[in-house]
Amino acid sequence: MEKTLVLIKPDAFGKGHAGAILKLYEEAGFKILAAKVMRMTPALAAKHYAEHIGRSYYPALVDFMTSAPIMAVVLAGDDVIKKVRELNGATNPAEAADGTIRKLYAEDKTKNAVHASDSEASAAREIPIFFGAYEIFD
């Protein structure tokens, strides 16, 4: 069974949307293998967003992601990476399809409610940044 990492970002978590977002994932048939509420540190952000270091938007991204608690989640299911990204919707909520998480809960392109791994390689790299093997219940 394929796994992916989802981060419910500070905007959506702070507005109390975590439960509704998790419900949408479960209703889509995905299994929650791990979940925790945490505050991302600058060091953790640098590890997670390593490919973005040096880009003009990186400081604002780190400021946003470290500004308040997030919820990190590992989901599993058939073709979960592709299907979660479809359920999340376009990065820009103005372009997201009706019923997607970003259409429902995102504010804008930056405060866009959720992150999800974009490939099996990304999921394999990202999940251990947030969870030890003992925290994931297959």
Protein backbone atom coordinates (compact mmCIF):
# COMPACT_ATOMS: atom_id res chain seq x y z
CA MET A 1 0.00 0.00 0.00
CA GLU A 2 1.40 3.40 -1.01
CA LYS A 3 2.00 6.10 1.63
CA THR A 4 2.10 9.88 1.49
CA LEU A 5 2.79 12.73 3.85
CA VAL A 6 0.19 15.44 4.35
CA LEU A 7 0.76 18.60 6.34
CA ILE A 8 -2.28 20.55 7.45
CA LYS A 9 -0.74 24.01 7.41
CA PRO A 10 -1.02 26.75 10.07
CA ASP A 11 -3.87 28.56 8.28
CA ALA A 12 -6.19 25.55 8.07
CA PHE A 13 -5.17 24.07 11.42
CA GLY A 14 -5.54 27.39 13.21
CA LYS A 15 -9.05 27.86 11.86
CA GLY A 16 -10.14 24.44 13.15
CA HIS A 17 -10.36 22.70 9.77
CA ALA A 18 -8.13 19.70 10.60
CA GLY A 19 -11.04 17.42 11.49
CA ALA A 20 -12.98 18.27 8.34
CA ILE A 21 -9.88 17.77 6.20
CA LEU A 22 -9.11 14.40 7.80
CA LYS A 23 -12.74 13.39 7.27
CA LEU A 24 -12.44 14.14 3.55
CA TYR A 25 -9.33 11.94 3.32
CA GLU A 26 -11.03 9.10 5.18
CA GLU A 27 -14.21 9.39 3.12
CA ALA A 28 -12.01 9.09 0.00
CA GLY A 29 -10.86 5.71 1.32
CA PHE A 30 -7.45 6.62 2.71
CA LYS A 31 -6.21 5.15 5.98
CA ILE A 32 -4.55 7.36 8.59
CA LEU A 33 -1.36 5.60 9.71
CA ALA A 34 0.07 8.43 11.82
CA ALA A 35 -0.90 11.92 12.94
CA LYS A 36 0.52 14.53 15.27
CA VAL A 37 0.19 18.19 16.07
CA MET A 38 3.49 20.01 16.19
CA ARG A 39 5.21 23.30 15.59
CA MET A 40 7.60 23.31 12.66
CA THR A 41 10.98 24.81 13.55
CA PRO A 42 13.21 26.68 11.09
CA ALA A 43 15.58 23.68 11.11
CA LEU A 44 12.73 21.27 10.31
CA ALA A 45 11.48 23.62 7.59
CA ALA A 46 14.98 23.70 6.07
CA LYS A 47 15.03 19.92 5.97
CA HIS A 48 11.52 19.62 4.52
CA TYR A 49 11.84 22.49 2.02
CA ALA A 50 15.54 21.95 1.19
CA GLU A 51 14.97 22.33 -2.57
CA HIS A 52 13.53 25.82 -2.00
CA ILE A 53 16.43 27.25 0.02
CA GLY A 54 17.82 30.31 -1.73
CA ARG A 55 14.66 31.12 -3.64
CA SER A 56 13.07 34.53 -3.10
CA TYR A 57 9.94 33.11 -1.44
CA TYR A 58 11.78 30.80 0.99
CA PRO A 59 11.97 33.21 3.98
CA ALA A 60 8.21 33.92 3.78
CA LEU A 61 7.48 30.19 3.45
CA VAL A 62 9.48 29.42 6.59
CA ASP A 63 7.88 32.32 8.46
CA PHE A 64 4.43 31.01 7.57
CA MET A 65 5.11 27.34 8.30
CA THR A 66 6.72 28.13 11.68
CA SER A 67 4.11 30.71 12.70
CA ALA A 68 1.67 28.32 14.40
CA PRO A 69 1.01 24.60 14.88
CA ILE A 70 0.59 22.20 11.98
CA MET A 71 -0.71 18.66 11.81
CA ALA A 72 1.50 16.08 10.12
CA VAL A 73 -0.28 12.98 8.80
CA VAL A 74 0.72 9.80 7.00
CA LEU A 75 -2.00 8.45 4.74
CA ALA A 76 -2.05 5.11 2.94
CA GLY A 77 -4.08 3.69 0.09
CA ASP A 78 -3.99 2.60 -3.51
CA ASP A 79 -2.43 5.34 -5.65
CA VAL A 80 -2.68 7.60 -2.57
CA ILE A 81 -0.10 10.15 -3.74
CA LYS A 82 -1.93 11.02 -6.95
CA LYS A 83 -5.39 10.80 -5.41
CA VAL A 84 -4.55 12.97 -2.38
CA ARG A 85 -3.08 15.64 -4.63
CA GLU A 86 -6.28 15.58 -6.71
CA LEU A 87 -8.41 15.86 -3.57
CA ASN A 88 -6.24 18.73 -2.34
CA GLY A 89 -6.82 20.66 -5.57
CA ALA A 90 -4.75 23.28 -7.37
CA THR A 91 -2.17 25.20 -5.34
CA ASN A 92 -4.08 28.40 -6.07
CA PRO A 93 -7.52 27.95 -4.49
CA ALA A 94 -9.02 30.28 -7.11
CA GLU A 95 -8.13 27.61 -9.68
CA ALA A 96 -9.07 24.61 -7.52
CA ALA A 97 -12.08 22.48 -8.44
CA ASP A 98 -15.22 22.64 -6.32
CA GLY A 99 -15.16 20.21 -3.41
CA THR A 100 -11.36 20.10 -3.15
CA ILE A 101 -9.66 20.88 0.13
CA ARG A 102 -8.03 24.03 -1.17
CA LYS A 103 -11.27 25.32 -2.68
CA LEU A 104 -12.97 24.74 0.66
CA TYR A 105 -10.27 25.83 3.13
CA ALA A 106 -7.35 27.70 1.50
CA GLU A 107 -6.97 31.48 1.64
CA ASP A 108 -4.58 32.02 -1.27
CA LYS A 109 -1.59 30.49 -3.10
CA THR A 110 0.62 30.80 -0.02
CA LYS A 111 -1.88 29.99 2.70
CA ASN A 112 -3.21 26.99 0.83
CA ALA A 113 -4.27 24.73 3.71
CA VAL A 114 -2.32 21.54 2.95
CA HIS A 115 0.89 20.04 1.61
CA ALA A 116 1.12 16.55 0.14
CA SER A 117 4.07 14.59 -1.22
CA ASP A 118 4.27 14.82 -5.01
CA SER A 119 5.92 11.46 -5.74
CA GLU A 120 6.95 8.17 -4.14
CA ALA A 121 10.49 9.53 -3.81
CA SER A 122 9.22 12.67 -2.06
CA ALA A 123 7.03 10.64 0.28
CA ALA A 124 9.97 8.37 1.14
CA ARG A 125 12.09 11.46 1.92
CA GLU A 126 9.40 13.50 3.71
CA ILE A 127 7.72 10.95 5.99
CA PRO A 128 10.86 10.26 8.10
CA ILE A 129 11.38 14.00 8.59
CA PHE A 130 8.18 14.07 10.65
CA PHE A 131 7.74 10.50 11.93
CA GLY A 132 9.88 7.73 13.34
CA ALA A 133 9.05 4.22 12.14
CA TYR A 134 7.59 3.42 15.58
CA GLU A 135 5.00 6.21 15.13
CA ILE A 136 3.52 4.79 11.91
CA PHE A 137 0.88 2.08 12.34
CA ASP A 138 0.59 0.05 9.14
